[in-house]
ModelCIF file with pLDDT and N, C-alpha, C, O atoms, coordinates in Angstrom:
data_MODEL
#
_entry.id   MODEL 
#
_entity.id                         1 
_entity.type                       polymer 
_entity.pdbx_number_of_molecules   1 
#
_entity_poly.entity_id                      1 
_entity_poly.type                           'polypeptide(L)' 
_entity_poly.nstd_linkage                   no 
_entity_poly.nstd_monomer                   no 
_entity_poly.pdbx_seq_one_letter_code       
;(UNK)(UNK)(UNK)(UNK)(UNK)(UNK)(UNK)(UNK)(UNK)(UNK)(UNK)(UNK)(UNK)(UNK)(UNK)(UNK)
(UNK)(UNK)(UNK)(UNK)(UNK)(UNK)(UNK)(UNK)(UNK)(UNK)(UNK)(UNK)(UNK)(UNK)(UNK)(UNK)
(UNK)(UNK)(UNK)(UNK)(UNK)(UNK)(UNK)(UNK)(UNK)(UNK)(UNK)
;
_entity_poly.pdbx_seq_one_letter_code_can   XXXXXXXXXXXXXXXXXXXXXXXXXXXXXXXXXXXXXXXXXXX 
_entity_poly.pdbx_strand_id                 A 
#
loop_
_entity_poly_seq.entity_id 
_entity_poly_seq.num 
_entity_poly_seq.mon_id 
_entity_poly_seq.hetero 
1 1  UNK n 
1 2  UNK n 
1 3  UNK n 
1 4  UNK n 
1 5  UNK n 
1 6  UNK n 
1 7  UNK n 
1 8  UNK n 
1 9  UNK n 
1 10 UNK n 
1 11 UNK n 
1 12 UNK n 
1 13 UNK n 
1 14 UNK n 
1 15 UNK n 
1 16 UNK n 
1 17 UNK n 
1 18 UNK n 
1 19 UNK n 
1 20 UNK n 
1 21 UNK n 
1 22 UNK n 
1 23 UNK n 
1 24 UNK n 
1 25 UNK n 
1 26 UNK n 
1 27 UNK n 
1 28 UNK n 
1 29 UNK n 
1 30 UNK n 
1 31 UNK n 
1 32 UNK n 
1 33 UNK n 
1 34 UNK n 
1 35 UNK n 
1 36 UNK n 
1 37 UNK n 
1 38 UNK n 
1 39 UNK n 
1 40 UNK n 
1 41 UNK n 
1 42 UNK n 
1 43 UNK n 
#
_struct_asym.id          A 
_struct_asym.entity_id   1 
#
loop_
_ma_qa_metric.id 
_ma_qa_metric.mode 
_ma_qa_metric.name 
_ma_qa_metric.software_group_id 
_ma_qa_metric.type 
1 global pLDDT . pLDDT 
2 local  pLDDT . pLDDT 
#
_ma_qa_metric_global.metric_id      1 
_ma_qa_metric_global.metric_value   93.98 
_ma_qa_metric_global.model_id       1 
_ma_qa_metric_global.ordinal_id     1 
#
loop_
_ma_qa_metric_local.label_asym_id 
_ma_qa_metric_local.label_comp_id 
_ma_qa_metric_local.label_seq_id 
_ma_qa_metric_local.metric_id 
_ma_qa_metric_local.metric_value 
_ma_qa_metric_local.model_id 
_ma_qa_metric_local.ordinal_id 
A UNK 1  2 93.00 1 1  
A UNK 2  2 95.00 1 2  
A UNK 3  2 96.00 1 3  
A UNK 4  2 94.00 1 4  
A UNK 5  2 96.00 1 5  
A UNK 6  2 94.00 1 6  
A UNK 7  2 95.00 1 7  
A UNK 8  2 94.00 1 8  
A UNK 9  2 97.00 1 9  
A UNK 10 2 97.00 1 10 
A UNK 11 2 97.00 1 11 
A UNK 12 2 97.00 1 12 
A UNK 13 2 98.00 1 13 
A UNK 14 2 98.00 1 14 
A UNK 15 2 98.00 1 15 
A UNK 16 2 98.00 1 16 
A UNK 17 2 98.00 1 17 
A UNK 18 2 98.00 1 18 
A UNK 19 2 97.00 1 19 
A UNK 20 2 97.00 1 20 
A UNK 21 2 95.00 1 21 
A UNK 22 2 96.00 1 22 
A UNK 23 2 95.00 1 23 
A UNK 24 2 94.00 1 24 
A UNK 25 2 94.00 1 25 
A UNK 26 2 93.00 1 26 
A UNK 27 2 89.00 1 27 
A UNK 28 2 88.00 1 28 
A UNK 29 2 85.00 1 29 
A UNK 30 2 87.00 1 30 
A UNK 31 2 91.00 1 31 
A UNK 32 2 90.00 1 32 
A UNK 33 2 92.00 1 33 
A UNK 34 2 95.00 1 34 
A UNK 35 2 95.00 1 35 
A UNK 36 2 95.00 1 36 
A UNK 37 2 94.00 1 37 
A UNK 38 2 95.00 1 38 
A UNK 39 2 95.00 1 39 
A UNK 40 2 93.00 1 40 
A UNK 41 2 90.00 1 41 
A UNK 42 2 89.00 1 42 
A UNK 43 2 84.00 1 43 
#
loop_
_atom_site.group_PDB 
_atom_site.id 
_atom_site.type_symbol 
_atom_site.label_atom_id 
_atom_site.label_alt_id 
_atom_site.label_comp_id 
_atom_site.label_asym_id 
_atom_site.label_entity_id 
_atom_site.label_seq_id 
_atom_site.pdbx_PDB_ins_code 
_atom_site.Cartn_x 
_atom_site.Cartn_y 
_atom_site.Cartn_z 
_atom_site.occupancy 
_atom_site.B_iso_or_equiv 
_atom_site.pdbx_formal_charge 
_atom_site.auth_seq_id 
_atom_site.auth_comp_id 
_atom_site.auth_asym_id 
_atom_site.auth_atom_id 
_atom_site.pdbx_PDB_model_num 
ATOM 1   N N  . UNK A 1 1  ? 74.901  87.734  113.012 1.00 93.00 ? 1  UNK A N  1 
ATOM 2   C CA . UNK A 1 1  ? 73.644  88.410  113.047 1.00 93.00 ? 1  UNK A CA 1 
ATOM 3   C C  . UNK A 1 1  ? 73.537  89.151  114.534 1.00 93.00 ? 1  UNK A C  1 
ATOM 4   O O  . UNK A 1 1  ? 72.633  89.950  114.778 1.00 93.00 ? 1  UNK A O  1 
ATOM 5   N N  . UNK A 1 2  ? 74.560  88.792  115.495 1.00 95.00 ? 2  UNK A N  1 
ATOM 6   C CA . UNK A 1 2  ? 74.634  89.574  116.647 1.00 95.00 ? 2  UNK A CA 1 
ATOM 7   C C  . UNK A 1 2  ? 75.731  90.558  116.733 1.00 95.00 ? 2  UNK A C  1 
ATOM 8   O O  . UNK A 1 2  ? 75.685  91.505  117.519 1.00 95.00 ? 2  UNK A O  1 
ATOM 9   N N  . UNK A 1 3  ? 76.804  90.323  115.857 1.00 96.00 ? 3  UNK A N  1 
ATOM 10  C CA . UNK A 1 3  ? 77.903  91.405  115.942 1.00 96.00 ? 3  UNK A CA 1 
ATOM 11  C C  . UNK A 1 3  ? 77.802  92.364  114.694 1.00 96.00 ? 3  UNK A C  1 
ATOM 12  O O  . UNK A 1 3  ? 78.316  93.479  114.773 1.00 96.00 ? 3  UNK A O  1 
ATOM 13  N N  . UNK A 1 4  ? 77.185  91.982  113.598 1.00 94.00 ? 4  UNK A N  1 
ATOM 14  C CA . UNK A 1 4  ? 76.999  92.740  112.415 1.00 94.00 ? 4  UNK A CA 1 
ATOM 15  C C  . UNK A 1 4  ? 78.514  93.334  111.747 1.00 94.00 ? 4  UNK A C  1 
ATOM 16  O O  . UNK A 1 4  ? 78.672  94.413  111.176 1.00 94.00 ? 4  UNK A O  1 
ATOM 17  N N  . UNK A 1 5  ? 79.374  92.458  111.966 1.00 96.00 ? 5  UNK A N  1 
ATOM 18  C CA . UNK A 1 5  ? 80.764  92.986  111.496 1.00 96.00 ? 5  UNK A CA 1 
ATOM 19  C C  . UNK A 1 5  ? 81.114  92.304  110.150 1.00 96.00 ? 5  UNK A C  1 
ATOM 20  O O  . UNK A 1 5  ? 80.628  91.232  109.790 1.00 96.00 ? 5  UNK A O  1 
ATOM 21  N N  . UNK A 1 6  ? 81.937  92.978  109.498 1.00 94.00 ? 6  UNK A N  1 
ATOM 22  C CA . UNK A 1 6  ? 82.166  92.488  108.017 1.00 94.00 ? 6  UNK A CA 1 
ATOM 23  C C  . UNK A 1 6  ? 83.537  91.568  107.846 1.00 94.00 ? 6  UNK A C  1 
ATOM 24  O O  . UNK A 1 6  ? 84.303  91.555  108.809 1.00 94.00 ? 6  UNK A O  1 
ATOM 25  N N  . UNK A 1 7  ? 83.801  90.980  106.943 1.00 95.00 ? 7  UNK A N  1 
ATOM 26  C CA . UNK A 1 7  ? 84.862  90.246  106.860 1.00 95.00 ? 7  UNK A CA 1 
ATOM 27  C C  . UNK A 1 7  ? 86.135  90.895  106.963 1.00 95.00 ? 7  UNK A C  1 
ATOM 28  O O  . UNK A 1 7  ? 87.083  90.134  107.155 1.00 95.00 ? 7  UNK A O  1 
ATOM 29  N N  . UNK A 1 8  ? 86.413  92.273  106.870 1.00 94.00 ? 8  UNK A N  1 
ATOM 30  C CA . UNK A 1 8  ? 87.530  92.947  107.265 1.00 94.00 ? 8  UNK A CA 1 
ATOM 31  C C  . UNK A 1 8  ? 87.837  92.738  108.948 1.00 94.00 ? 8  UNK A C  1 
ATOM 32  O O  . UNK A 1 8  ? 88.941  92.468  109.421 1.00 94.00 ? 8  UNK A O  1 
ATOM 33  N N  . UNK A 1 9  ? 86.679  92.920  109.652 1.00 97.00 ? 9  UNK A N  1 
ATOM 34  C CA . UNK A 1 9  ? 86.834  92.803  111.021 1.00 97.00 ? 9  UNK A CA 1 
ATOM 35  C C  . UNK A 1 9  ? 87.262  91.371  111.366 1.00 97.00 ? 9  UNK A C  1 
ATOM 36  O O  . UNK A 1 9  ? 88.022  91.102  112.295 1.00 97.00 ? 9  UNK A O  1 
ATOM 37  N N  . UNK A 1 10 ? 86.757  90.555  110.610 1.00 97.00 ? 10 UNK A N  1 
ATOM 38  C CA . UNK A 1 10 ? 87.260  89.043  110.838 1.00 97.00 ? 10 UNK A CA 1 
ATOM 39  C C  . UNK A 1 10 ? 88.661  88.909  110.715 1.00 97.00 ? 10 UNK A C  1 
ATOM 40  O O  . UNK A 1 10 ? 89.312  88.200  111.481 1.00 97.00 ? 10 UNK A O  1 
ATOM 41  N N  . UNK A 1 11 ? 89.227  89.651  109.655 1.00 97.00 ? 11 UNK A N  1 
ATOM 42  C CA . UNK A 1 11 ? 90.732  89.483  109.490 1.00 97.00 ? 11 UNK A CA 1 
ATOM 43  C C  . UNK A 1 11 ? 91.410  90.160  110.464 1.00 97.00 ? 11 UNK A C  1 
ATOM 44  O O  . UNK A 1 11 ? 92.577  89.805  110.634 1.00 97.00 ? 11 UNK A O  1 
ATOM 45  N N  . UNK A 1 12 ? 90.942  91.133  111.218 1.00 97.00 ? 12 UNK A N  1 
ATOM 46  C CA . UNK A 1 12 ? 91.647  91.844  112.270 1.00 97.00 ? 12 UNK A CA 1 
ATOM 47  C C  . UNK A 1 12 ? 91.446  90.953  113.550 1.00 97.00 ? 12 UNK A C  1 
ATOM 48  O O  . UNK A 1 12 ? 92.244  91.004  114.487 1.00 97.00 ? 12 UNK A O  1 
ATOM 49  N N  . UNK A 1 13 ? 90.560  90.296  113.546 1.00 98.00 ? 13 UNK A N  1 
ATOM 50  C CA . UNK A 1 13 ? 90.244  89.342  114.720 1.00 98.00 ? 13 UNK A CA 1 
ATOM 51  C C  . UNK A 1 13 ? 91.262  87.901  114.547 1.00 98.00 ? 13 UNK A C  1 
ATOM 52  O O  . UNK A 1 13 ? 91.761  87.353  115.530 1.00 98.00 ? 13 UNK A O  1 
ATOM 53  N N  . UNK A 1 14 ? 91.425  87.504  113.393 1.00 98.00 ? 14 UNK A N  1 
ATOM 54  C CA . UNK A 1 14 ? 92.401  86.632  113.085 1.00 98.00 ? 14 UNK A CA 1 
ATOM 55  C C  . UNK A 1 14 ? 93.943  87.094  113.538 1.00 98.00 ? 14 UNK A C  1 
ATOM 56  O O  . UNK A 1 14 ? 94.746  86.322  114.062 1.00 98.00 ? 14 UNK A O  1 
ATOM 57  N N  . UNK A 1 15 ? 94.194  88.446  113.249 1.00 98.00 ? 15 UNK A N  1 
ATOM 58  C CA . UNK A 1 15 ? 95.502  88.642  113.414 1.00 98.00 ? 15 UNK A CA 1 
ATOM 59  C C  . UNK A 1 15 ? 95.732  88.870  114.846 1.00 98.00 ? 15 UNK A C  1 
ATOM 60  O O  . UNK A 1 15 ? 96.816  88.561  115.341 1.00 98.00 ? 15 UNK A O  1 
ATOM 61  N N  . UNK A 1 16 ? 94.635  89.472  115.663 1.00 98.00 ? 16 UNK A N  1 
ATOM 62  C CA . UNK A 1 16 ? 94.677  89.444  117.061 1.00 98.00 ? 16 UNK A CA 1 
ATOM 63  C C  . UNK A 1 16 ? 95.088  88.066  117.683 1.00 98.00 ? 16 UNK A C  1 
ATOM 64  O O  . UNK A 1 16 ? 96.063  87.922  118.421 1.00 98.00 ? 16 UNK A O  1 
ATOM 65  N N  . UNK A 1 17 ? 94.240  87.081  117.300 1.00 98.00 ? 17 UNK A N  1 
ATOM 66  C CA . UNK A 1 17 ? 94.491  85.698  117.726 1.00 98.00 ? 17 UNK A CA 1 
ATOM 67  C C  . UNK A 1 17 ? 95.812  85.056  117.284 1.00 98.00 ? 17 UNK A C  1 
ATOM 68  O O  . UNK A 1 17 ? 96.288  84.133  117.945 1.00 98.00 ? 17 UNK A O  1 
ATOM 69  N N  . UNK A 1 18 ? 96.422  85.527  116.170 1.00 98.00 ? 18 UNK A N  1 
ATOM 70  C CA . UNK A 1 18 ? 97.737  85.006  116.069 1.00 98.00 ? 18 UNK A CA 1 
ATOM 71  C C  . UNK A 1 18 ? 98.810  85.666  117.005 1.00 98.00 ? 18 UNK A C  1 
ATOM 72  O O  . UNK A 1 18 ? 99.821  85.095  117.414 1.00 98.00 ? 18 UNK A O  1 
ATOM 73  N N  . UNK A 1 19 ? 98.494  86.758  117.241 1.00 97.00 ? 19 UNK A N  1 
ATOM 74  C CA . UNK A 1 19 ? 99.528  87.683  117.904 1.00 97.00 ? 19 UNK A CA 1 
ATOM 75  C C  . UNK A 1 19 ? 99.231  87.773  119.466 1.00 97.00 ? 19 UNK A C  1 
ATOM 76  O O  . UNK A 1 19 ? 100.008 88.393  120.191 1.00 97.00 ? 19 UNK A O  1 
ATOM 77  N N  . UNK A 1 20 ? 98.176  87.189  119.941 1.00 97.00 ? 20 UNK A N  1 
ATOM 78  C CA . UNK A 1 20 ? 97.703  87.556  121.090 1.00 97.00 ? 20 UNK A CA 1 
ATOM 79  C C  . UNK A 1 20 ? 98.706  87.138  122.330 1.00 97.00 ? 20 UNK A C  1 
ATOM 80  O O  . UNK A 1 20 ? 98.591  87.646  123.446 1.00 97.00 ? 20 UNK A O  1 
ATOM 81  N N  . UNK A 1 21 ? 99.688  86.164  122.005 1.00 95.00 ? 21 UNK A N  1 
ATOM 82  C CA . UNK A 1 21 ? 100.581 85.875  123.188 1.00 95.00 ? 21 UNK A CA 1 
ATOM 83  C C  . UNK A 1 21 ? 102.157 86.383  122.939 1.00 95.00 ? 21 UNK A C  1 
ATOM 84  O O  . UNK A 1 21 ? 103.097 86.069  123.668 1.00 95.00 ? 21 UNK A O  1 
ATOM 85  N N  . UNK A 1 22 ? 102.245 87.240  121.745 1.00 96.00 ? 22 UNK A N  1 
ATOM 86  C CA . UNK A 1 22 ? 103.643 87.794  121.465 1.00 96.00 ? 22 UNK A CA 1 
ATOM 87  C C  . UNK A 1 22 ? 104.260 88.366  122.548 1.00 96.00 ? 22 UNK A C  1 
ATOM 88  O O  . UNK A 1 22 ? 105.472 88.193  122.683 1.00 96.00 ? 22 UNK A O  1 
ATOM 89  N N  . UNK A 1 23 ? 103.534 89.131  123.483 1.00 95.00 ? 23 UNK A N  1 
ATOM 90  C CA . UNK A 1 23 ? 104.064 89.840  124.500 1.00 95.00 ? 23 UNK A CA 1 
ATOM 91  C C  . UNK A 1 23 ? 105.031 88.917  125.487 1.00 95.00 ? 23 UNK A C  1 
ATOM 92  O O  . UNK A 1 23 ? 106.030 89.332  126.074 1.00 95.00 ? 23 UNK A O  1 
ATOM 93  N N  . UNK A 1 24 ? 104.531 87.650  125.527 1.00 94.00 ? 24 UNK A N  1 
ATOM 94  C CA . UNK A 1 24 ? 105.497 86.838  126.479 1.00 94.00 ? 24 UNK A CA 1 
ATOM 95  C C  . UNK A 1 24 ? 106.946 86.821  126.296 1.00 94.00 ? 24 UNK A C  1 
ATOM 96  O O  . UNK A 1 24 ? 107.775 86.660  127.192 1.00 94.00 ? 24 UNK A O  1 
ATOM 97  N N  . UNK A 1 25 ? 107.196 87.019  124.925 1.00 94.00 ? 25 UNK A N  1 
ATOM 98  C CA . UNK A 1 25 ? 108.630 87.148  124.587 1.00 94.00 ? 25 UNK A CA 1 
ATOM 99  C C  . UNK A 1 25 ? 109.390 87.945  125.450 1.00 94.00 ? 25 UNK A C  1 
ATOM 100 O O  . UNK A 1 25 ? 110.509 87.627  125.852 1.00 94.00 ? 25 UNK A O  1 
ATOM 101 N N  . UNK A 1 26 ? 108.668 89.205  125.804 1.00 93.00 ? 26 UNK A N  1 
ATOM 102 C CA . UNK A 1 26 ? 109.355 90.157  126.739 1.00 93.00 ? 26 UNK A CA 1 
ATOM 103 C C  . UNK A 1 26 ? 109.240 89.821  128.240 1.00 93.00 ? 26 UNK A C  1 
ATOM 104 O O  . UNK A 1 26 ? 110.233 89.804  128.966 1.00 93.00 ? 26 UNK A O  1 
ATOM 105 N N  . UNK A 1 27 ? 108.015 89.557  128.672 1.00 89.00 ? 27 UNK A N  1 
ATOM 106 C CA . UNK A 1 27 ? 107.726 89.253  129.922 1.00 89.00 ? 27 UNK A CA 1 
ATOM 107 C C  . UNK A 1 27 ? 106.360 88.641  129.984 1.00 89.00 ? 27 UNK A C  1 
ATOM 108 O O  . UNK A 1 27 ? 105.361 89.091  129.423 1.00 89.00 ? 27 UNK A O  1 
ATOM 109 N N  . UNK A 1 28 ? 106.440 87.369  130.864 1.00 88.00 ? 28 UNK A N  1 
ATOM 110 C CA . UNK A 1 28 ? 105.126 86.622  131.047 1.00 88.00 ? 28 UNK A CA 1 
ATOM 111 C C  . UNK A 1 28 ? 104.204 87.361  131.835 1.00 88.00 ? 28 UNK A C  1 
ATOM 112 O O  . UNK A 1 28 ? 103.013 87.291  131.531 1.00 88.00 ? 28 UNK A O  1 
ATOM 113 N N  . UNK A 1 29 ? 104.602 88.136  132.904 1.00 85.00 ? 29 UNK A N  1 
ATOM 114 C CA . UNK A 1 29 ? 103.701 88.670  133.754 1.00 85.00 ? 29 UNK A CA 1 
ATOM 115 C C  . UNK A 1 29 ? 102.841 89.959  133.119 1.00 85.00 ? 29 UNK A C  1 
ATOM 116 O O  . UNK A 1 29 ? 101.705 90.280  133.468 1.00 85.00 ? 29 UNK A O  1 
ATOM 117 N N  . UNK A 1 30 ? 103.542 90.524  132.248 1.00 87.00 ? 30 UNK A N  1 
ATOM 118 C CA . UNK A 1 30 ? 102.688 91.838  131.686 1.00 87.00 ? 30 UNK A CA 1 
ATOM 119 C C  . UNK A 1 30 ? 102.618 91.619  130.152 1.00 87.00 ? 30 UNK A C  1 
ATOM 120 O O  . UNK A 1 30 ? 102.852 92.541  129.371 1.00 87.00 ? 30 UNK A O  1 
ATOM 121 N N  . UNK A 1 31 ? 102.276 90.314  129.728 1.00 91.00 ? 31 UNK A N  1 
ATOM 122 C CA . UNK A 1 31 ? 102.260 89.858  128.359 1.00 91.00 ? 31 UNK A CA 1 
ATOM 123 C C  . UNK A 1 31 ? 101.288 90.673  127.520 1.00 91.00 ? 31 UNK A C  1 
ATOM 124 O O  . UNK A 1 31 ? 101.655 90.911  126.370 1.00 91.00 ? 31 UNK A O  1 
ATOM 125 N N  . UNK A 1 32 ? 100.138 91.125  127.903 1.00 90.00 ? 32 UNK A N  1 
ATOM 126 C CA . UNK A 1 32 ? 99.117  91.779  126.933 1.00 90.00 ? 32 UNK A CA 1 
ATOM 127 C C  . UNK A 1 32 ? 99.620  93.228  126.804 1.00 90.00 ? 32 UNK A C  1 
ATOM 128 O O  . UNK A 1 32 ? 99.389  93.789  125.733 1.00 90.00 ? 32 UNK A O  1 
ATOM 129 N N  . UNK A 1 33 ? 100.312 93.934  127.811 1.00 92.00 ? 33 UNK A N  1 
ATOM 130 C CA . UNK A 1 33 ? 100.788 95.165  127.644 1.00 92.00 ? 33 UNK A CA 1 
ATOM 131 C C  . UNK A 1 33 ? 101.933 95.068  126.759 1.00 92.00 ? 33 UNK A C  1 
ATOM 132 O O  . UNK A 1 33 ? 102.081 95.859  125.827 1.00 92.00 ? 33 UNK A O  1 
ATOM 133 N N  . UNK A 1 34 ? 102.680 94.209  126.989 1.00 95.00 ? 34 UNK A N  1 
ATOM 134 C CA . UNK A 1 34 ? 103.938 94.141  126.055 1.00 95.00 ? 34 UNK A CA 1 
ATOM 135 C C  . UNK A 1 34 ? 103.435 93.801  124.571 1.00 95.00 ? 34 UNK A C  1 
ATOM 136 O O  . UNK A 1 34 ? 103.933 94.327  123.576 1.00 95.00 ? 34 UNK A O  1 
ATOM 137 N N  . UNK A 1 35 ? 102.557 93.012  124.536 1.00 95.00 ? 35 UNK A N  1 
ATOM 138 C CA . UNK A 1 35 ? 101.880 92.515  123.267 1.00 95.00 ? 35 UNK A CA 1 
ATOM 139 C C  . UNK A 1 35 ? 101.419 93.960  122.470 1.00 95.00 ? 35 UNK A C  1 
ATOM 140 O O  . UNK A 1 35 ? 101.694 94.132  121.282 1.00 95.00 ? 35 UNK A O  1 
ATOM 141 N N  . UNK A 1 36 ? 100.725 94.915  123.237 1.00 95.00 ? 36 UNK A N  1 
ATOM 142 C CA . UNK A 1 36 ? 100.216 95.902  122.649 1.00 95.00 ? 36 UNK A CA 1 
ATOM 143 C C  . UNK A 1 36 ? 101.478 96.962  122.112 1.00 95.00 ? 36 UNK A C  1 
ATOM 144 O O  . UNK A 1 36 ? 101.438 97.548  121.030 1.00 95.00 ? 36 UNK A O  1 
ATOM 145 N N  . UNK A 1 37 ? 102.497 97.065  123.016 1.00 94.00 ? 37 UNK A N  1 
ATOM 146 C CA . UNK A 1 37 ? 103.530 97.767  122.494 1.00 94.00 ? 37 UNK A CA 1 
ATOM 147 C C  . UNK A 1 37 ? 104.329 97.251  121.247 1.00 94.00 ? 37 UNK A C  1 
ATOM 148 O O  . UNK A 1 37 ? 104.852 98.036  120.456 1.00 94.00 ? 37 UNK A O  1 
ATOM 149 N N  . UNK A 1 38 ? 104.396 95.879  121.114 1.00 95.00 ? 38 UNK A N  1 
ATOM 150 C CA . UNK A 1 38 ? 105.159 95.263  120.230 1.00 95.00 ? 38 UNK A CA 1 
ATOM 151 C C  . UNK A 1 38 ? 104.403 95.504  118.918 1.00 95.00 ? 38 UNK A C  1 
ATOM 152 O O  . UNK A 1 38 ? 105.051 95.799  117.914 1.00 95.00 ? 38 UNK A O  1 
ATOM 153 N N  . UNK A 1 39 ? 102.965 95.387  118.865 1.00 95.00 ? 39 UNK A N  1 
ATOM 154 C CA . UNK A 1 39 ? 102.047 95.412  117.717 1.00 95.00 ? 39 UNK A CA 1 
ATOM 155 C C  . UNK A 1 39 ? 102.039 96.848  117.248 1.00 95.00 ? 39 UNK A C  1 
ATOM 156 O O  . UNK A 1 39 ? 102.085 97.126  116.049 1.00 95.00 ? 39 UNK A O  1 
ATOM 157 N N  . UNK A 1 40 ? 101.979 97.779  118.225 1.00 93.00 ? 40 UNK A N  1 
ATOM 158 C CA . UNK A 1 40 ? 101.940 99.204  117.901 1.00 93.00 ? 40 UNK A CA 1 
ATOM 159 C C  . UNK A 1 40 ? 103.269 99.667  117.212 1.00 93.00 ? 40 UNK A C  1 
ATOM 160 O O  . UNK A 1 40 ? 103.355 100.632 116.454 1.00 93.00 ? 40 UNK A O  1 
ATOM 161 N N  . UNK A 1 41 ? 104.234 98.886  117.565 1.00 90.00 ? 41 UNK A N  1 
ATOM 162 C CA . UNK A 1 41 ? 105.741 99.398  117.047 1.00 90.00 ? 41 UNK A CA 1 
ATOM 163 C C  . UNK A 1 41 ? 106.068 98.630  115.774 1.00 90.00 ? 41 UNK A C  1 
ATOM 164 O O  . UNK A 1 41 ? 107.116 98.853  115.168 1.00 90.00 ? 41 UNK A O  1 
ATOM 165 N N  . UNK A 1 42 ? 105.174 97.724  115.361 1.00 89.00 ? 42 UNK A N  1 
ATOM 166 C CA . UNK A 1 42 ? 105.388 96.887  114.141 1.00 89.00 ? 42 UNK A CA 1 
ATOM 167 C C  . UNK A 1 42 ? 104.340 97.142  112.910 1.00 89.00 ? 42 UNK A C  1 
ATOM 168 O O  . UNK A 1 42 ? 103.145 96.855  112.966 1.00 89.00 ? 42 UNK A O  1 
ATOM 169 N N  . UNK A 1 43 ? 104.908 97.650  111.947 1.00 84.00 ? 43 UNK A N  1 
ATOM 170 C CA . UNK A 1 43 ? 103.911 97.749  110.629 1.00 84.00 ? 43 UNK A CA 1 
ATOM 171 C C  . UNK A 1 43 ? 103.625 96.500  110.268 1.00 84.00 ? 43 UNK A C  1 
ATOM 172 O O  . UNK A 1 43 ? 102.892 96.288  109.302 1.00 84.00 ? 43 UNK A O  1 
#
């Protein structure tokens, strides 16, 4: 009742949680920036 989001947004949240640390595969110090690039480059 505070965020007003749908189940589709919950799915996106789950995917973000699953992939939040994937950027450490490239570099631990810039993990979130690397994760952004990995996700954007992967269908």
